[in-house]
């Protein structure tokens, strides 16, 4: 037996088109899942022609991911995975599903649970419900299971990293997993979805309160968080005693971190600014937009967005450029502190 859900919107990183970026993977996956089961993802086209799925913005906010910044003590790119901003990975998943009005069943993939997962997964796909799987391709982040073959022995779906890492694909572009033992966790829609009003006052107050909690943390599950993460990032770019080869290598993590922060704050800011004008939520949203703009200024220190990695990393070596970047990081950290003060008012 086999079944494939072909009506689901593919997830992917930004492809230099007119679709707004959805580079933060879990809320992008959940947005596609929601659309597949008939929920409103709030498609929107801006005045200048950008196509957006506004549910993605809402989910960045209500999961807490859009308020986060992480730094790994060993300078690992895993700090870009903002599912880690909460007290547990499962909490992020639960908050996301709650934000679309769904219950969730989370299952760790172990030899003991594998057959049970197979049955749940086949049933979910048969009912027209894709599942979220963590670790479909190389990174342990989320992807979408959209189908199965051979009674669930083979899984098919989309992963944002499928063009960055070797993997088998079928004719419609879906990843083919003939061995899905490396998937470490699954999340399934549980029960009947119920409408949720993400604009309701109580919902927005809870989002603001949780945002404050995320932003005031200095540690999250072994990562530096919030202001502590900003300080570590600043020190990382300011170090002048390193050889040029290491400074060039440092540029990649820095560059990715800027992009992650810019997207998280901008789209979370859009959600916050949908509150009444001059409200504390909207004021915090304005500051988040300013943070996004500072991120672009950080990129501008080294050249134009889209310049070659070689060119950007070479300019990153220059002490005066990194000193200017450090100044912008300090500015962003201060903007965050002001945003927190507005969010505290919004939470009351």
Protein backbone atom coordinates (compact mmCIF):
# COMPACT_ATOMS: atom_id res chain seq x y z
CA UNK A 1 0.00 0.00 0.00
CA UNK A 2 1.09 3.57 -0.67
CA UNK A 3 -0.33 7.09 -0.51
CA UNK A 4 1.13 10.53 -1.26
CA UNK A 5 -0.42 13.90 -0.35
CA UNK A 6 0.43 16.05 -3.36
CA UNK A 7 -1.54 19.17 -2.44
CA UNK A 8 0.84 20.29 0.30
CA UNK A 9 2.94 23.44 -0.18
CA UNK A 10 6.64 22.56 -0.40
CA UNK A 11 8.94 23.91 2.30
CA UNK A 12 12.30 25.37 1.32
CA UNK A 13 14.77 28.08 2.12
CA UNK A 14 14.55 31.42 0.33
CA UNK A 15 15.02 30.92 -3.42
CA UNK A 16 15.59 34.51 -4.59
CA UNK A 17 12.01 34.84 -5.80
CA UNK A 18 9.01 36.93 -4.72
CA UNK A 19 7.98 34.60 -1.90
CA UNK A 20 8.81 35.96 1.54
CA UNK A 21 11.59 33.94 3.17
CA UNK A 22 10.61 31.10 5.49
CA UNK A 23 14.09 30.08 6.58
CA UNK A 24 13.15 29.14 10.15
CA UNK A 25 12.10 25.60 9.53
CA UNK A 26 9.61 24.41 12.16
CA UNK A 27 7.00 27.18 11.74
CA UNK A 28 7.33 26.82 7.96
CA UNK A 29 6.61 23.08 8.20
CA UNK A 30 3.66 23.68 10.49
CA UNK A 31 2.26 26.34 8.15
CA UNK A 32 2.29 23.87 5.25
CA UNK A 33 0.76 21.17 7.43
CA UNK A 34 -2.02 23.55 8.50
CA UNK A 35 -2.81 24.47 4.91
CA UNK A 36 -2.96 20.81 3.89
CA UNK A 37 -5.61 20.00 6.51
CA UNK A 38 -7.76 22.96 5.49
CA UNK A 39 -6.73 25.65 7.96
CA UNK A 40 -6.26 29.25 6.83
CA UNK A 41 -2.57 30.10 6.39
CA UNK A 42 -3.52 33.72 5.59
CA UNK A 43 -2.00 34.11 2.13
CA UNK A 44 -1.19 37.75 1.53
CA UNK A 45 0.47 39.75 -1.25
CA UNK A 46 2.18 42.99 -0.25
CA UNK A 47 1.88 46.18 -2.25
CA UNK A 48 5.29 45.56 -3.79
CA UNK A 49 4.42 42.00 -4.80
CA UNK A 50 5.82 39.79 -2.04
CA UNK A 51 3.78 36.65 -1.42
CA UNK A 52 3.46 35.81 2.26
CA UNK A 53 1.93 33.11 4.43
CA UNK A 54 1.09 35.17 7.47
CA UNK A 55 0.48 32.11 9.64
CA UNK A 56 4.25 31.61 9.53
CA UNK A 57 4.64 35.04 11.17
CA UNK A 58 2.11 34.17 13.87
CA UNK A 59 3.82 30.88 14.63
CA UNK A 60 7.22 32.54 15.05
CA UNK A 61 5.58 34.64 17.75
CA UNK A 62 3.44 32.08 19.57
CA UNK A 63 6.16 29.39 19.70
CA UNK A 64 8.59 31.92 21.20
CA UNK A 65 11.09 31.23 18.42
CA UNK A 66 10.78 34.73 16.97
CA UNK A 67 11.98 36.21 20.28
CA UNK A 68 15.06 34.02 20.60
CA UNK A 69 18.79 34.31 20.08
CA UNK A 70 21.11 31.44 20.93
CA UNK A 71 24.87 30.98 21.04
CA UNK A 72 26.64 27.65 21.34
CA UNK A 73 29.73 27.75 23.62
CA UNK A 74 31.60 25.73 20.95
CA UNK A 75 30.45 28.10 18.18
CA UNK A 76 28.30 25.43 16.56
CA UNK A 77 25.72 26.25 13.88
CA UNK A 78 23.14 24.38 15.95
CA UNK A 79 22.52 27.73 17.64
CA UNK A 80 20.50 28.64 14.55
CA UNK A 81 17.84 26.09 15.56
CA UNK A 82 15.40 28.25 17.50
CA UNK A 83 13.23 25.30 18.55
CA UNK A 84 15.72 25.22 21.44
CA UNK A 85 14.65 28.55 23.00
CA UNK A 86 12.01 26.94 25.23
CA UNK A 87 12.44 24.82 28.34
CA UNK A 88 12.07 21.72 26.17
CA UNK A 89 11.97 20.85 22.48
CA UNK A 90 8.51 19.38 22.98
CA UNK A 91 7.27 22.68 24.43
CA UNK A 92 8.11 24.43 21.17
CA UNK A 93 6.20 21.79 19.21
CA UNK A 94 3.21 21.96 21.54
CA UNK A 95 3.08 25.75 21.37
CA UNK A 96 3.17 25.62 17.58
CA UNK A 97 0.34 23.10 17.26
CA UNK A 98 -1.69 25.01 19.85
CA UNK A 99 -1.19 28.12 17.73
CA UNK A 100 -2.99 26.49 14.79
CA UNK A 101 -5.71 25.02 17.00
CA UNK A 102 -4.48 21.42 16.93
CA UNK A 103 -3.59 18.86 19.51
CA UNK A 104 -0.31 17.04 18.96
CA UNK A 105 1.04 13.59 19.61
CA UNK A 106 4.83 13.61 19.91
CA UNK A 107 6.65 10.30 19.54
CA UNK A 108 10.36 9.61 19.98
CA UNK A 109 11.58 7.19 17.30
CA UNK A 110 13.22 4.22 19.04
CA UNK A 111 13.43 0.51 18.21
CA UNK A 112 10.65 -0.02 20.76
CA UNK A 113 8.28 2.60 19.27
CA UNK A 114 9.02 2.17 15.56
CA UNK A 115 6.16 -0.19 14.70
CA UNK A 116 3.68 1.93 16.63
CA UNK A 117 4.94 5.04 14.81
CA UNK A 118 4.54 3.27 11.46
CA UNK A 119 0.88 2.58 12.22
CA UNK A 120 0.20 6.13 13.43
CA UNK A 121 1.98 7.59 10.42
CA UNK A 122 0.11 5.48 7.85
CA UNK A 123 -3.19 6.34 9.53
CA UNK A 124 -2.31 10.05 9.55
CA UNK A 125 -1.43 10.12 5.85
CA UNK A 126 -4.52 8.07 4.98
CA UNK A 127 -6.61 10.74 6.74
CA UNK A 128 -4.97 13.50 4.70
CA UNK A 129 -2.74 14.73 7.51
CA UNK A 130 1.00 15.10 6.91
CA UNK A 131 3.33 14.64 9.86
CA UNK A 132 6.39 16.55 11.03
CA UNK A 133 9.59 14.52 11.28
CA UNK A 134 12.86 15.70 12.80
CA UNK A 135 16.05 14.60 11.03
CA UNK A 136 14.84 13.53 7.59
CA UNK A 137 18.03 14.72 5.93
CA UNK A 138 21.34 15.49 7.70
CA UNK A 139 20.44 18.23 10.24
CA UNK A 140 18.09 17.19 13.06
CA UNK A 141 15.55 19.91 12.24
CA UNK A 142 11.97 19.41 11.10
CA UNK A 143 10.70 18.20 7.75
CA UNK A 144 7.32 17.12 6.41
CA UNK A 145 6.24 13.54 5.80
CA UNK A 146 3.70 13.72 2.98
CA UNK A 147 3.40 10.09 1.97
CA UNK A 148 4.48 6.50 2.32
CA UNK A 149 5.13 3.39 0.24
CA UNK A 150 5.30 -0.31 1.13
CA UNK A 151 2.95 0.10 4.10
CA UNK A 152 5.18 2.71 5.69
CA UNK A 153 8.56 1.09 5.14
CA UNK A 154 9.39 4.02 2.83
CA UNK A 155 8.54 7.64 3.68
CA UNK A 156 8.28 10.59 1.32
CA UNK A 157 8.24 14.29 2.06
CA UNK A 158 9.97 17.64 2.00
CA UNK A 159 12.95 18.89 3.98
CA UNK A 160 14.37 22.41 3.81
CA UNK A 161 17.89 20.95 3.68
CA UNK A 162 17.23 18.52 0.82
CA UNK A 163 19.21 20.60 -1.67
CA UNK A 164 22.13 21.10 0.72
CA UNK A 165 22.75 17.45 1.62
CA UNK A 166 22.79 14.25 -0.47
CA UNK A 167 19.45 12.44 -0.46
CA UNK A 168 17.24 10.44 -2.80
CA UNK A 169 14.29 12.26 -4.41
CA UNK A 170 11.39 11.04 -6.47
CA UNK A 171 9.95 12.61 -9.63
CA UNK A 172 7.84 15.19 -7.79
CA UNK A 173 10.85 16.42 -5.79
CA UNK A 174 10.02 14.75 -2.50
CA UNK A 175 12.74 13.17 -0.39
CA UNK A 176 12.58 9.38 -0.35
CA UNK A 177 13.51 7.77 2.98
CA UNK A 178 14.03 4.05 2.56
CA UNK A 179 15.56 3.93 6.02
CA UNK A 180 13.95 6.35 8.45
CA UNK A 181 15.70 5.16 11.60
CA UNK A 182 17.70 8.42 11.66
CA UNK A 183 14.48 10.40 12.18
CA UNK A 184 14.57 10.98 15.92
CA UNK A 185 11.11 12.41 16.58
CA UNK A 186 7.68 12.67 14.95
CA UNK A 187 4.78 15.05 15.64
CA UNK A 188 1.24 14.15 14.53
CA UNK A 189 -2.00 16.11 14.53
CA UNK A 190 -4.06 14.68 17.37
CA UNK A 191 -7.82 15.04 17.62
CA UNK A 192 -10.03 17.50 15.77
CA UNK A 193 -8.59 20.95 14.94
CA UNK A 194 -10.46 23.86 16.50
CA UNK A 195 -10.30 27.50 15.35
CA UNK A 196 -7.98 29.67 17.40
CA UNK A 197 -8.09 33.47 17.49
CA UNK A 198 -4.46 34.56 17.51
CA UNK A 199 -5.59 38.20 17.57
CA UNK A 200 -7.55 37.81 20.80
CA UNK A 201 -6.33 39.94 23.68
CA UNK A 202 -5.65 36.99 25.98
CA UNK A 203 -3.69 35.19 23.27
CA UNK A 204 -1.58 38.25 22.51
CA UNK A 205 -0.90 38.88 26.20
CA UNK A 206 0.32 35.32 26.62
CA UNK A 207 2.57 35.68 23.54
CA UNK A 208 4.04 38.89 24.97
CA UNK A 209 4.64 37.32 28.38
CA UNK A 210 6.32 34.31 26.83
CA UNK A 211 8.41 36.59 24.61
CA UNK A 212 9.68 38.37 27.72
CA UNK A 213 10.59 35.02 29.28
CA UNK A 214 12.57 34.01 26.19
CA UNK A 215 14.36 37.34 25.82
CA UNK A 216 15.32 37.60 29.49
CA UNK A 217 16.88 34.14 29.60
CA UNK A 218 20.67 34.04 29.62
CA UNK A 219 20.86 30.26 29.18
CA UNK A 220 18.70 27.72 27.38
CA UNK A 221 19.50 24.03 27.43
CA UNK A 222 23.26 24.49 27.27
CA UNK A 223 23.20 27.50 24.93
CA UNK A 224 23.77 31.12 25.86
CA UNK A 225 20.58 33.07 25.32
CA UNK A 226 19.36 36.66 25.14
CA UNK A 227 21.81 39.33 26.26
CA UNK A 228 24.45 36.69 27.11
CA UNK A 229 24.27 35.47 23.51
CA UNK A 230 24.72 39.01 22.21
CA UNK A 231 27.81 39.49 24.36
CA UNK A 232 29.32 36.21 23.14
CA UNK A 233 28.55 37.08 19.52
CA UNK A 234 30.14 40.51 19.94
CA UNK A 235 33.28 38.95 21.43
CA UNK A 236 33.38 36.43 18.58
CA UNK A 237 33.54 39.12 15.89
CA UNK A 238 35.81 41.44 17.90
CA UNK A 239 38.72 39.04 18.48
CA UNK A 240 41.83 40.55 16.83
CA UNK A 241 44.52 38.08 17.87
CA UNK A 242 43.53 35.36 15.39
CA UNK A 243 45.13 34.57 12.03
CA UNK A 244 43.30 35.71 8.91
CA UNK A 245 42.38 32.13 7.99
CA UNK A 246 40.38 31.66 11.20
CA UNK A 247 38.75 35.07 10.89
CA UNK A 248 37.58 34.18 7.38
CA UNK A 249 36.16 30.92 8.71
CA UNK A 250 34.32 32.78 11.47
CA UNK A 251 32.38 34.81 8.92
CA UNK A 252 30.02 31.97 7.98
CA UNK A 253 28.42 31.49 11.41
CA UNK A 254 28.24 35.25 11.88
CA UNK A 255 26.57 35.73 8.49
CA UNK A 256 23.99 33.01 9.15
CA UNK A 257 23.25 34.37 12.60
CA UNK A 258 22.53 37.82 11.17
CA UNK A 259 20.06 36.34 8.69
CA UNK A 260 18.35 34.20 11.31
CA UNK A 261 17.92 37.15 13.65
CA UNK A 262 16.72 39.48 10.89
CA UNK A 263 13.97 37.09 9.80
CA UNK A 264 12.90 36.12 13.31
CA UNK A 265 12.54 39.71 14.48
CA UNK A 266 11.03 41.17 11.31
CA UNK A 267 8.16 38.70 10.97
CA UNK A 268 7.52 38.56 14.71
CA UNK A 269 7.45 42.35 14.55
CA UNK A 270 4.75 42.15 11.86
CA UNK A 271 2.63 40.02 14.20
CA UNK A 272 3.15 42.44 17.09
CA UNK A 273 2.37 45.49 14.95
CA UNK A 274 -1.00 44.04 14.01
CA UNK A 275 -2.09 45.14 17.49
CA UNK A 276 -3.77 48.55 17.82
CA UNK A 277 -1.51 51.44 16.85
CA UNK A 278 0.56 52.89 19.72
CA UNK A 279 -0.18 49.84 21.91
CA UNK A 280 2.78 48.30 23.81
CA UNK A 281 2.71 45.32 21.41
CA UNK A 282 2.97 47.61 18.41
CA UNK A 283 5.80 49.61 20.02
CA UNK A 284 7.74 46.38 20.58
CA UNK A 285 7.03 45.41 16.97
CA UNK A 286 8.49 48.69 15.73
CA UNK A 287 11.67 47.98 17.67
CA UNK A 288 11.84 44.50 16.18
CA UNK A 289 11.68 46.09 12.73
CA UNK A 290 14.56 48.37 13.75
CA UNK A 291 16.55 45.31 14.77
CA UNK A 292 15.90 43.85 11.33
CA UNK A 293 17.19 47.07 9.75
CA UNK A 294 20.36 46.95 11.89
CA UNK A 295 20.95 43.41 10.65
CA UNK A 296 20.97 44.73 7.08
CA UNK A 297 23.43 47.42 8.17
CA UNK A 298 25.68 44.69 9.55
CA UNK A 299 25.61 42.99 6.15
CA UNK A 300 26.25 46.36 4.51
CA UNK A 301 29.53 46.80 6.37
CA UNK A 302 31.04 44.06 4.20
CA UNK A 303 29.31 44.79 0.90
CA UNK A 304 26.06 44.02 -0.86
CA UNK A 305 23.77 41.16 0.14
CA UNK A 306 24.47 38.37 -2.32
CA UNK A 307 28.17 39.18 -2.76
CA UNK A 308 30.38 36.12 -2.90
CA UNK A 309 31.33 34.39 0.35
CA UNK A 310 34.98 34.86 -0.60
CA UNK A 311 34.57 38.63 -0.91
CA UNK A 312 32.55 38.98 2.29
CA UNK A 313 34.85 36.81 4.40
CA UNK A 314 37.91 38.72 3.14
CA UNK A 315 36.39 42.02 4.27
CA UNK A 316 35.41 40.41 7.57
CA UNK A 317 39.12 40.03 8.34
CA UNK A 318 39.61 43.81 8.52
CA UNK A 319 39.55 44.99 12.18
CA UNK A 320 37.72 48.23 11.37
CA UNK A 321 34.87 46.30 9.72
CA UNK A 322 34.47 43.95 12.64
CA UNK A 323 34.59 46.88 15.06
CA UNK A 324 31.67 48.49 13.17
CA UNK A 325 29.77 45.19 13.24
CA UNK A 326 30.32 44.96 17.00
CA UNK A 327 28.84 48.45 17.40
CA UNK A 328 25.70 47.36 15.54
CA UNK A 329 25.42 44.23 17.70
CA UNK A 330 25.54 46.47 20.77
CA UNK A 331 22.82 48.67 19.26
CA UNK A 332 20.63 45.64 18.63
CA UNK A 333 21.14 44.39 22.20
CA UNK A 334 19.97 47.77 23.51
CA UNK A 335 16.94 47.77 21.20
CA UNK A 336 16.06 44.33 22.55
CA UNK A 337 16.13 45.62 26.12
CA UNK A 338 13.74 48.44 25.22
CA UNK A 339 11.48 46.00 23.36
CA UNK A 340 11.33 43.82 26.49
CA UNK A 341 10.06 46.79 28.52
CA UNK A 342 7.20 47.29 26.03
CA UNK A 343 6.40 43.58 25.97
CA UNK A 344 6.12 43.57 29.75
CA UNK A 345 3.45 46.27 29.46
CA UNK A 346 1.73 44.31 26.70
CA UNK A 347 1.59 41.22 28.91
CA UNK A 348 -0.45 42.97 31.64
